[in-house]
Amino acid sequence: AAQGRGLGVAMVQWCIDRARDDGRRRILIHTLASMRA
């Protein structure tokens, strides 16, 4: 019901900002082939 409102992008950006603050050089994540969106 909330998709398409920018929440997903905002949550990923939160992680990017936090990783930078934590001194991390990169973020690694796993996905599945079915996770196209």
Full PDB file with SEQRES, HELIX, SHEET, SSBOND, CRYST1, ORIGX, SCALE, CONECT and MASTER records, all heavy atoms in Angstrom:
SEQRES   1 A   37  ALA ALA GLN GLY ARG GLY LEU GLY VAL ALA MET VAL GLN          
SEQRES   2 A   37  TRP CYS ILE ASP ARG ALA ARG ASP ASP GLY ARG ARG ARG          
SEQRES   3 A   37  ILE LEU ILE HIS THR LEU ALA SER MET ARG ALA                  
HELIX    1 AA1 LEU A    7  ASP A   21  1                                  15    
CRYST1    1.000    1.000    1.000  90.00  90.00  90.00 P 1           1          
ORIGX1      1.000000  0.000000  0.000000        0.00000                         
ORIGX2      0.000000  1.000000  0.000000        0.00000                         
ORIGX3      0.000000  0.000000  1.000000        0.00000                         
SCALE1      1.000000  0.000000  0.000000        0.00000                         
SCALE2      0.000000  1.000000  0.000000        0.00000                         
SCALE3      0.000000  0.000000  1.000000        0.00000                         
ATOM      1  N   ALA A   1       0.820  -1.219   0.000  1.00  0.00           N  
ATOM      2  CA  ALA A   1       0.000   0.000   0.000  1.00  0.00           C  
ATOM      3  C   ALA A   1       0.851   1.264   0.000  1.00  0.00           C  
ATOM      4  O   ALA A   1       0.368   2.337  -0.368  1.00  0.00           O  
ATOM      5  CB  ALA A   1      -0.931   0.003   1.215  1.00  0.00           C  
ATOM      6  N   ALA A   2       2.121   1.148   0.399  1.00  0.00           N  
ATOM      7  CA  ALA A   2       3.012   2.315   0.464  1.00  0.00           C  
ATOM      8  C   ALA A   2       4.026   2.339  -0.674  1.00  0.00           C  
ATOM      9  O   ALA A   2       4.774   3.306  -0.805  1.00  0.00           O  
ATOM     10  CB  ALA A   2       3.739   2.325   1.801  1.00  0.00           C  
ATOM     11  N   GLN A   3       4.053   1.315  -1.495  1.00  0.00           N  
ATOM     12  CA  GLN A   3       5.043   1.264  -2.565  1.00  0.00           C  
ATOM     13  C   GLN A   3       4.769   2.346  -3.596  1.00  0.00           C  
ATOM     14  O   GLN A   3       3.630   2.755  -3.812  1.00  0.00           O  
ATOM     15  CB  GLN A   3       5.062  -0.130  -3.197  1.00  0.00           C  
ATOM     16  CG  GLN A   3       5.623  -1.155  -2.224  1.00  0.00           C  
ATOM     17  CD  GLN A   3       5.574  -2.575  -2.748  1.00  0.00           C  
ATOM     18  OE1 GLN A   3       5.182  -2.847  -3.873  1.00  0.00           O  
ATOM     19  NE2 GLN A   3       5.966  -3.506  -1.901  1.00  0.00           N  
ATOM     20  N   GLY A   4       5.846   2.851  -4.175  1.00  0.00           N  
ATOM     21  CA  GLY A   4       5.728   3.927  -5.150  1.00  0.00           C  
ATOM     22  C   GLY A   4       5.726   5.311  -4.526  1.00  0.00           C  
ATOM     23  O   GLY A   4       5.591   6.311  -5.230  1.00  0.00           O  
ATOM     24  N   ARG A   5       5.891   5.399  -3.227  1.00  0.00           N  
ATOM     25  CA  ARG A   5       5.884   6.683  -2.515  1.00  0.00           C  
ATOM     26  C   ARG A   5       7.281   7.159  -2.138  1.00  0.00           C  
ATOM     27  O   ARG A   5       7.436   8.178  -1.475  1.00  0.00           O  
ATOM     28  CB  ARG A   5       5.024   6.578  -1.244  1.00  0.00           C  
ATOM     29  CG  ARG A   5       3.590   6.150  -1.445  1.00  0.00           C  
ATOM     30  CD  ARG A   5       2.666   7.286  -1.808  1.00  0.00           C  
ATOM     31  NE  ARG A   5       2.734   8.429  -0.932  1.00  0.00           N  
ATOM     32  CZ  ARG A   5       2.007   8.612   0.165  1.00  0.00           C  
ATOM     33  NH1 ARG A   5       1.138   7.696   0.537  1.00  0.00           N  
ATOM     34  NH2 ARG A   5       2.145   9.711   0.887  1.00  0.00           N  
ATOM     35  N   GLY A   6       8.329   6.375  -2.487  1.00  0.00           N  
ATOM     36  CA  GLY A   6       9.701   6.755  -2.185  1.00  0.00           C  
ATOM     37  C   GLY A   6      10.255   6.184  -0.899  1.00  0.00           C  
ATOM     38  O   GLY A   6      11.390   6.479  -0.529  1.00  0.00           O  
ATOM     39  N   LEU A   7       9.473   5.356  -0.211  1.00  0.00           N  
ATOM     40  CA  LEU A   7       9.942   4.819   1.061  1.00  0.00           C  
ATOM     41  C   LEU A   7      11.125   3.880   0.875  1.00  0.00           C  
ATOM     42  O   LEU A   7      12.105   3.963   1.631  1.00  0.00           O  
ATOM     43  CB  LEU A   7       8.806   4.106   1.796  1.00  0.00           C  
ATOM     44  CG  LEU A   7       9.186   3.521   3.159  1.00  0.00           C  
ATOM     45  CD1 LEU A   7       9.681   4.614   4.106  1.00  0.00           C  
ATOM     46  CD2 LEU A   7       8.002   2.776   3.764  1.00  0.00           C  
ATOM     47  N   GLY A   8      11.075   2.995  -0.094  1.00  0.00           N  
ATOM     48  CA  GLY A   8      12.181   2.067  -0.320  1.00  0.00           C  
ATOM     49  C   GLY A   8      13.484   2.797  -0.581  1.00  0.00           C  
ATOM     50  O   GLY A   8      14.521   2.482   0.009  1.00  0.00           O  
ATOM     51  N   VAL A   9      13.440   3.799  -1.450  1.00  0.00           N  
ATOM     52  CA  VAL A   9      14.640   4.601  -1.745  1.00  0.00           C  
ATOM     53  C   VAL A   9      15.132   5.291  -0.471  1.00  0.00           C  
ATOM     54  O   VAL A   9      16.334   5.301  -0.183  1.00  0.00           O  
ATOM     55  CB  VAL A   9      14.352   5.632  -2.853  1.00  0.00           C  
ATOM     56  CG1 VAL A   9      15.490   6.626  -2.986  1.00  0.00           C  
ATOM     57  CG2 VAL A   9      14.101   4.935  -4.179  1.00  0.00           C  
ATOM     58  N   ALA A  10      14.223   5.855   0.298  1.00  0.00           N  
ATOM     59  CA  ALA A  10      14.611   6.556   1.525  1.00  0.00           C  
ATOM     60  C   ALA A  10      15.256   5.599   2.529  1.00  0.00           C  
ATOM     61  O   ALA A  10      16.225   5.964   3.212  1.00  0.00           O  
ATOM     62  CB  ALA A  10      13.397   7.252   2.148  1.00  0.00           C  
ATOM     63  N   MET A  11      14.756   4.374   2.613  1.00  0.00           N  
ATOM     64  CA  MET A  11      15.318   3.406   3.550  1.00  0.00           C  
ATOM     65  C   MET A  11      16.708   2.956   3.104  1.00  0.00           C  
ATOM     66  O   MET A  11      17.623   2.833   3.927  1.00  0.00           O  
ATOM     67  CB  MET A  11      14.370   2.229   3.736  1.00  0.00           C  
ATOM     68  CG  MET A  11      13.074   2.647   4.429  1.00  0.00           C  
ATOM     69  SD  MET A  11      11.942   1.297   4.753  1.00  0.00           S  
ATOM     70  CE  MET A  11      12.784   0.546   6.175  1.00  0.00           C  
ATOM     71  N   VAL A  12      16.880   2.730   1.815  1.00  0.00           N  
ATOM     72  CA  VAL A  12      18.208   2.366   1.307  1.00  0.00           C  
ATOM     73  C   VAL A  12      19.170   3.534   1.510  1.00  0.00           C  
ATOM     74  O   VAL A  12      20.318   3.341   1.934  1.00  0.00           O  
ATOM     75  CB  VAL A  12      18.143   1.929  -0.169  1.00  0.00           C  
ATOM     76  CG1 VAL A  12      19.541   1.760  -0.755  1.00  0.00           C  
ATOM     77  CG2 VAL A  12      17.343   0.637  -0.305  1.00  0.00           C  
ATOM     78  N   GLN A  13      18.729   4.754   1.260  1.00  0.00           N  
ATOM     79  CA  GLN A  13      19.589   5.923   1.465  1.00  0.00           C  
ATOM     80  C   GLN A  13      19.983   6.063   2.929  1.00  0.00           C  
ATOM     81  O   GLN A  13      21.113   6.439   3.242  1.00  0.00           O  
ATOM     82  CB  GLN A  13      18.905   7.196   0.956  1.00  0.00           C  
ATOM     83  CG  GLN A  13      19.822   8.408   0.959  1.00  0.00           C  
ATOM     84  CD  GLN A  13      21.050   8.221   0.070  1.00  0.00           C  
ATOM     85  OE1 GLN A  13      20.922   7.904  -1.107  1.00  0.00           O  
ATOM     86  NE2 GLN A  13      22.233   8.418   0.628  1.00  0.00           N  
ATOM     87  N   TRP A  14      19.064   5.757   3.823  1.00  0.00           N  
ATOM     88  CA  TRP A  14      19.388   5.779   5.253  1.00  0.00           C  
ATOM     89  C   TRP A  14      20.564   4.842   5.521  1.00  0.00           C  
ATOM     90  O   TRP A  14      21.504   5.202   6.248  1.00  0.00           O  
ATOM     91  CB  TRP A  14      18.165   5.369   6.082  1.00  0.00           C  
ATOM     92  CG  TRP A  14      18.373   5.512   7.554  1.00  0.00           C  
ATOM     93  CD1 TRP A  14      17.960   6.556   8.337  1.00  0.00           C  
ATOM     94  CD2 TRP A  14      19.059   4.604   8.437  1.00  0.00           C  
ATOM     95  NE1 TRP A  14      18.351   6.340   9.645  1.00  0.00           N  
ATOM     96  CE2 TRP A  14      19.019   5.158   9.731  1.00  0.00           C  
ATOM     97  CE3 TRP A  14      19.693   3.379   8.251  1.00  0.00           C  
ATOM     98  CZ2 TRP A  14      19.602   4.521  10.832  1.00  0.00           C  
ATOM     99  CZ3 TRP A  14      20.276   2.751   9.346  1.00  0.00           C  
ATOM    100  CH2 TRP A  14      20.222   3.318  10.618  1.00  0.00           C  
ATOM    101  N   CYS A  15      20.527   3.636   4.931  1.00  0.00           N  
ATOM    102  CA  CYS A  15      21.613   2.664   5.122  1.00  0.00           C  
ATOM    103  C   CYS A  15      22.920   3.173   4.523  1.00  0.00           C  
ATOM    104  O   CYS A  15      23.993   3.003   5.133  1.00  0.00           O  
ATOM    105  CB  CYS A  15      21.236   1.323   4.492  1.00  0.00           C  
ATOM    106  SG  CYS A  15      19.890   0.471   5.336  1.00  0.00           S  
ATOM    107  N   ILE A  16      22.857   3.779   3.357  1.00  0.00           N  
ATOM    108  CA  ILE A  16      24.063   4.328   2.721  1.00  0.00           C  
ATOM    109  C   ILE A  16      24.673   5.401   3.619  1.00  0.00           C  
ATOM    110  O   ILE A  16      25.881   5.391   3.882  1.00  0.00           O  
ATOM    111  CB  ILE A  16      23.732   4.877   1.323  1.00  0.00           C  
ATOM    112  CG1 ILE A  16      23.362   3.735   0.372  1.00  0.00           C  
ATOM    113  CG2 ILE A  16      24.893   5.696   0.768  1.00  0.00           C  
ATOM    114  CD1 ILE A  16      22.743   4.185  -0.940  1.00  0.00           C  
ATOM    115  N   ASP A  17      23.839   6.306   4.107  1.00  0.00           N  
ATOM    116  CA  ASP A  17      24.329   7.378   4.976  1.00  0.00           C  
ATOM    117  C   ASP A  17      24.919   6.817   6.267  1.00  0.00           C  
ATOM    118  O   ASP A  17      25.985   7.252   6.715  1.00  0.00           O  
ATOM    119  CB  ASP A  17      23.206   8.366   5.295  1.00  0.00           C  
ATOM    120  CG  ASP A  17      22.714   9.130   4.075  1.00  0.00           C  
ATOM    121  OD1 ASP A  17      23.432   9.173   3.044  1.00  0.00           O  
ATOM    122  OD2 ASP A  17      21.595   9.679   4.152  1.00  0.00           O  
ATOM    123  N   ARG A  18      24.262   5.860   6.856  1.00  0.00           N  
ATOM    124  CA  ARG A  18      24.741   5.261   8.108  1.00  0.00           C  
ATOM    125  C   ARG A  18      26.055   4.519   7.881  1.00  0.00           C  
ATOM    126  O   ARG A  18      26.982   4.615   8.697  1.00  0.00           O  
ATOM    127  CB  ARG A  18      23.676   4.327   8.684  1.00  0.00           C  
ATOM    128  CG  ARG A  18      24.094   3.560   9.898  1.00  0.00           C  
ATOM    129  CD  ARG A  18      24.285   4.465  11.126  1.00  0.00           C  
ATOM    130  NE  ARG A  18      24.708   3.669  12.256  1.00  0.00           N  
ATOM    131  CZ  ARG A  18      23.887   3.189  13.180  1.00  0.00           C  
ATOM    132  NH1 ARG A  18      22.586   3.437  13.118  1.00  0.00           N  
ATOM    133  NH2 ARG A  18      24.348   2.459  14.149  1.00  0.00           N  
ATOM    134  N   ALA A  19      26.165   3.785   6.759  1.00  0.00           N  
ATOM    135  CA  ALA A  19      27.414   3.071   6.459  1.00  0.00           C  
ATOM    136  C   ALA A  19      28.572   4.055   6.319  1.00  0.00           C  
ATOM    137  O   ALA A  19      29.674   3.808   6.819  1.00  0.00           O  
ATOM    138  CB  ALA A  19      27.250   2.226   5.201  1.00  0.00           C  
ATOM    139  N   ARG A  20      28.316   5.174   5.653  1.00  0.00           N  
ATOM    140  CA  ARG A  20      29.351   6.216   5.547  1.00  0.00           C  
ATOM    141  C   ARG A  20      29.744   6.722   6.934  1.00  0.00           C  
ATOM    142  O   ARG A  20      30.925   6.859   7.247  1.00  0.00           O  
ATOM    143  CB  ARG A  20      28.855   7.374   4.694  1.00  0.00           C  
ATOM    144  CG  ARG A  20      28.956   7.125   3.230  1.00  0.00           C  
ATOM    145  CD  ARG A  20      28.739   8.420   2.438  1.00  0.00           C  
ATOM    146  NE  ARG A  20      28.717   8.108   1.032  1.00  0.00           N  
ATOM    147  CZ  ARG A  20      27.671   8.258   0.238  1.00  0.00           C  
ATOM    148  NH1 ARG A  20      26.544   8.772   0.705  1.00  0.00           N  
ATOM    149  NH2 ARG A  20      27.736   7.936  -1.038  1.00  0.00           N  
ATOM    150  N   ASP A  21      28.748   7.015   7.752  1.00  0.00           N  
ATOM    151  CA  ASP A  21      29.015   7.491   9.115  1.00  0.00           C  
ATOM    152  C   ASP A  21      29.799   6.456   9.918  1.00  0.00           C  
ATOM    153  O   ASP A  21      30.604   6.815  10.784  1.00  0.00           O  
ATOM    154  CB  ASP A  21      27.714   7.818   9.848  1.00  0.00           C  
ATOM    155  CG  ASP A  21      27.012   9.048   9.309  1.00  0.00           C  
ATOM    156  OD1 ASP A  21      27.619   9.818   8.528  1.00  0.00           O  
ATOM    157  OD2 ASP A  21      25.826   9.242   9.666  1.00  0.00           O  
ATOM    158  N   ASP A  22      29.566   5.170   9.635  1.00  0.00           N  
ATOM    159  CA  ASP A  22      30.264   4.079  10.322  1.00  0.00           C  
ATOM    160  C   ASP A  22      31.656   3.828   9.739  1.00  0.00           C  
ATOM    161  O   ASP A  22      32.356   2.930  10.202  1.00  0.00           O  
ATOM    162  CB  ASP A  22      29.449   2.778  10.230  1.00  0.00           C  
ATOM    163  CG  ASP A  22      28.190   2.799  11.085  1.00  0.00           C  
ATOM    164  OD1 ASP A  22      28.060   3.686  11.960  1.00  0.00           O  
ATOM    165  OD2 ASP A  22      27.329   1.919  10.871  1.00  0.00           O  
ATOM    166  N   GLY A  23      32.028   4.576   8.689  1.00  0.00           N  
ATOM    167  CA  GLY A  23      33.340   4.402   8.077  1.00  0.00           C  
ATOM    168  C   GLY A  23      33.444   3.213   7.139  1.00  0.00           C  
ATOM    169  O   GLY A  23      34.544   2.770   6.805  1.00  0.00           O  
ATOM    170  N   ARG A  24      32.307   2.708   6.686  1.00  0.00           N  
ATOM    171  CA  ARG A  24      32.301   1.554   5.774  1.00  0.00           C  
ATOM    172  C   ARG A  24      32.534   2.025   4.354  1.00  0.00           C  
ATOM    173  O   ARG A  24      32.065   3.087   3.945  1.00  0.00           O  
ATOM    174  CB  ARG A  24      30.978   0.798   5.872  1.00  0.00           C  
ATOM    175  CG  ARG A  24      30.731   0.234   7.236  1.00  0.00           C  
ATOM    176  CD  ARG A  24      31.747  -0.818   7.541  1.00  0.00           C  
ATOM    177  NE  ARG A  24      31.696  -1.237   8.925  1.00  0.00           N  
ATOM    178  CZ  ARG A  24      32.664  -1.916   9.500  1.00  0.00           C  
ATOM    179  NH1 ARG A  24      33.739  -2.237   8.825  1.00  0.00           N  
ATOM    180  NH2 ARG A  24      32.554  -2.262  10.745  1.00  0.00           N  
ATOM    181  N   ARG A  25      33.248   1.218   3.586  1.00  0.00           N  
ATOM    182  CA  ARG A  25      33.584   1.575   2.204  1.00  0.00           C  
ATOM    183  C   ARG A  25      32.527   1.112   1.211  1.00  0.00           C  
ATOM    184  O   ARG A  25      32.473   1.605   0.090  1.00  0.00           O  
ATOM    185  CB  ARG A  25      34.934   0.987   1.842  1.00  0.00           C  
ATOM    186  CG  ARG A  25      36.046   1.586   2.714  1.00  0.00           C  
ATOM    187  CD  ARG A  25      37.368   1.060   2.327  1.00  0.00           C  
ATOM    188  NE  ARG A  25      37.561   1.386   0.914  1.00  0.00           N  
ATOM    189  CZ  ARG A  25      38.722   1.392   0.315  1.00  0.00           C  
ATOM    190  NH1 ARG A  25      39.797   1.088   0.978  1.00  0.00           N  
ATOM    191  NH2 ARG A  25      38.816   1.687  -0.956  1.00  0.00           N  
ATOM    192  N   ARG A  26      31.732   0.148   1.607  1.00  0.00           N  
ATOM    193  CA  ARG A  26      30.721  -0.367   0.681  1.00  0.00           C  
ATOM    194  C   ARG A  26      29.609  -1.063   1.462  1.00  0.00           C  
ATOM    195  O   ARG A  26      29.780  -1.394   2.629  1.00  0.00           O  
ATOM    196  CB  ARG A  26      31.336  -1.298  -0.356  1.00  0.00           C  
ATOM    197  CG  ARG A  26      31.888  -2.572   0.173  1.00  0.00           C  
ATOM    198  CD  ARG A  26      32.831  -3.262  -0.854  1.00  0.00           C  
ATOM    199  NE  ARG A  26      34.055  -3.621  -0.161  1.00  0.00           N  
ATOM    200  CZ  ARG A  26      35.175  -2.904  -0.121  1.00  0.00           C  
ATOM    201  NH1 ARG A  26      35.263  -1.784  -0.777  1.00  0.00           N  
ATOM    202  NH2 ARG A  26      36.211  -3.305   0.561  1.00  0.00           N  
ATOM    203  N   ILE A  27      28.505  -1.270   0.765  1.00  0.00           N  
ATOM    204  CA  ILE A  27      27.385  -2.052   1.287  1.00  0.00           C  
ATOM    205  C   ILE A  27      27.215  -3.243   0.363  1.00  0.00           C  
ATOM    206  O   ILE A  27      27.136  -3.078  -0.863  1.00  0.00           O  
ATOM    207  CB  ILE A  27      26.083  -1.233   1.339  1.00  0.00           C  
ATOM    208  CG1 ILE A  27      26.235  -0.058   2.301  1.00  0.00           C  
ATOM    209  CG2 ILE A  27      24.913  -2.114   1.749  1.00  0.00           C  
ATOM    210  CD1 ILE A  27      25.019   0.843   2.356  1.00  0.00           C  
ATOM    211  N   LEU A  28      27.146  -4.412   0.953  1.00  0.00           N  
ATOM    212  CA  LEU A  28      26.923  -5.639   0.196  1.00  0.00           C  
ATOM    213  C   LEU A  28      25.585  -6.224   0.617  1.00  0.00           C  
ATOM    214  O   LEU A  28      25.259  -6.246   1.808  1.00  0.00           O  
ATOM    215  CB  LEU A  28      28.036  -6.654   0.477  1.00  0.00           C  
ATOM    216  CG  LEU A  28      29.423  -6.152   0.099  1.00  0.00           C  
ATOM    217  CD1 LEU A  28      30.273  -6.030   1.331  1.00  0.00           C  
ATOM    218  CD2 LEU A  28      30.035  -7.041  -0.929  1.00  0.00           C  
ATOM    219  N   ILE A  29      24.820  -6.685  -0.352  1.00  0.00           N  
ATOM    220  CA  ILE A  29      23.530  -7.291  -0.048  1.00  0.00           C  
ATOM    221  C   ILE A  29      23.333  -8.513  -0.937  1.00  0.00           C  
ATOM    222  O   ILE A  29      23.919  -8.610  -2.014  1.00  0.00           O  
ATOM    223  CB  ILE A  29      22.356  -6.298  -0.242  1.00  0.00           C  
ATOM    224  CG1 ILE A  29      22.408  -5.670  -1.639  1.00  0.00           C  
ATOM    225  CG2 ILE A  29      22.368  -5.252   0.848  1.00  0.00           C  
ATOM    226  CD1 ILE A  29      21.261  -4.733  -1.942  1.00  0.00           C  
ATOM    227  N   HIS A  30      22.525  -9.437  -0.470  1.00  0.00           N  
ATOM    228  CA  HIS A  30      22.122 -10.586  -1.269  1.00  0.00           C  
ATOM    229  C   HIS A  30      20.740 -10.306  -1.843  1.00  0.00           C  
ATOM    230  O   HIS A  30      19.909  -9.669  -1.194  1.00  0.00           O  
ATOM    231  CB  HIS A  30      21.997 -11.848  -0.408  1.00  0.00           C  
ATOM    232  CG  HIS A  30      23.290 -12.400   0.057  1.00  0.00           C  
ATOM    233  ND1 HIS A  30      24.252 -12.882  -0.791  1.00  0.00           N  
ATOM    234  CD2 HIS A  30      23.779 -12.574   1.304  1.00  0.00           C  
ATOM    235  CE1 HIS A  30      25.280 -13.326  -0.099  1.00  0.00           C  
ATOM    236  NE2 HIS A  30      25.023 -13.146   1.181  1.00  0.00           N  
ATOM    237  N   THR A  31      20.501 -10.797  -3.047  1.00  0.00           N  
ATOM    238  CA  THR A  31      19.145 -10.812  -3.584  1.00  0.00           C  
ATOM    239  C   THR A  31      18.899 -12.184  -4.193  1.00  0.00           C  
ATOM    240  O   THR A  31      19.809 -12.986  -4.343  1.00  0.00           O  
ATOM    241  CB  THR A  31      18.911  -9.738  -4.669  1.00  0.00           C  
ATOM    242  OG1 THR A  31      19.748 -10.020  -5.791  1.00  0.00           O  
ATOM    243  CG2 THR A  31      19.173  -8.352  -4.150  1.00  0.00           C  
ATOM    244  N   LEU A  32      17.673 -12.425  -4.529  1.00  0.00           N  
ATOM    245  CA  LEU A  32      17.279 -13.627  -5.252  1.00  0.00           C  
ATOM    246  C   LEU A  32      16.912 -13.234  -6.672  1.00  0.00           C  
ATOM    247  O   LEU A  32      16.538 -12.081  -6.923  1.00  0.00           O  
ATOM    248  CB  LEU A  32      16.060 -14.281  -4.595  1.00  0.00           C  
ATOM    249  CG  LEU A  32      16.207 -14.715  -3.142  1.00  0.00           C  
ATOM    250  CD1 LEU A  32      14.856 -15.139  -2.595  1.00  0.00           C  
ATOM    251  CD2 LEU A  32      17.204 -15.851  -3.050  1.00  0.00           C  
ATOM    252  N   ALA A  33      16.971 -14.178  -7.588  1.00  0.00           N  
ATOM    253  CA  ALA A  33      16.585 -13.897  -8.974  1.00  0.00           C  
ATOM    254  C   ALA A  33      15.159 -13.338  -9.034  1.00  0.00           C  
ATOM    255  O   ALA A  33      14.858 -12.485  -9.866  1.00  0.00           O  
ATOM    256  CB  ALA A  33      16.717 -15.156  -9.821  1.00  0.00           C  
ATOM    257  N   SER A  34      14.293 -13.778  -8.135  1.00  0.00           N  
ATOM    258  CA  SER A  34      12.891 -13.347  -8.150  1.00  0.00           C  
ATOM    259  C   SER A  34      12.688 -11.951  -7.566  1.00  0.00           C  
ATOM    260  O   SER A  34      11.588 -11.413  -7.632  1.00  0.00           O  
ATOM    261  CB  SER A  34      12.025 -14.358  -7.394  1.00  0.00           C  
ATOM    262  OG  SER A  34      12.439 -14.454  -6.050  1.00  0.00           O  
ATOM    263  N   MET A  35      13.721 -11.346  -7.023  1.00  0.00           N  
ATOM    264  CA  MET A  35      13.603 -10.005  -6.405  1.00  0.00           C  
ATOM    265  C   MET A  35      13.875  -8.912  -7.431  1.00  0.00           C  
ATOM    266  O   MET A  35      14.659  -7.984  -7.195  1.00  0.00           O  
ATOM    267  CB  MET A  35      14.569  -9.882  -5.231  1.00  0.00           C  
ATOM    268  CG  MET A  35      14.245 -10.772  -4.067  1.00  0.00           C  
ATOM    269  SD  MET A  35      15.486 -10.562  -2.749  1.00  0.00           S  
ATOM    270  CE  MET A  35      14.684 -11.400  -1.409  1.00  0.00           C  
ATOM    271  N   ARG A  36      13.189  -8.949  -8.544  1.00  0.00           N  
ATOM    272  CA  ARG A  36      13.443  -7.982  -9.620  1.00  0.00           C  
ATOM    273  C   ARG A  36      13.142  -6.539  -9.205  1.00  0.00           C  
ATOM    274  O   ARG A  36      13.892  -5.631  -9.517  1.00  0.00           O  
ATOM    275  CB  ARG A  36      12.666  -8.383 -10.863  1.00  0.00           C  
ATOM    276  CG  ARG A  36      13.259  -9.624 -11.517  1.00  0.00           C  
ATOM    277  CD  ARG A  36      12.438 -10.092 -12.722  1.00  0.00           C  
ATOM    278  NE  ARG A  36      12.930 -11.350 -13.219  1.00  0.00           N  
ATOM    279  CZ  ARG A  36      12.597 -12.545 -12.728  1.00  0.00           C  
ATOM    280  NH1 ARG A  36      11.754 -12.624 -11.719  1.00  0.00           N  
ATOM    281  NH2 ARG A  36      13.082 -13.649 -13.243  1.00  0.00           N  
ATOM    282  N   ALA A  37      12.049  -6.343  -8.514  1.00  0.00           N  
ATOM    283  CA  ALA A  37      11.706  -4.977  -8.075  1.00  0.00           C  
ATOM    284  C   ALA A  37      12.769  -4.455  -7.115  1.00  0.00           C  
ATOM    285  O   ALA A  37      13.176  -3.288  -7.203  1.00  0.00           O  
ATOM    286  CB  ALA A  37      10.326  -4.949  -7.428  1.00  0.00           C  
TER     287      ALA A  37                                                      
MASTER        0    0    0    1    0    0    0    6  286    1    0    3          
END                                                                             
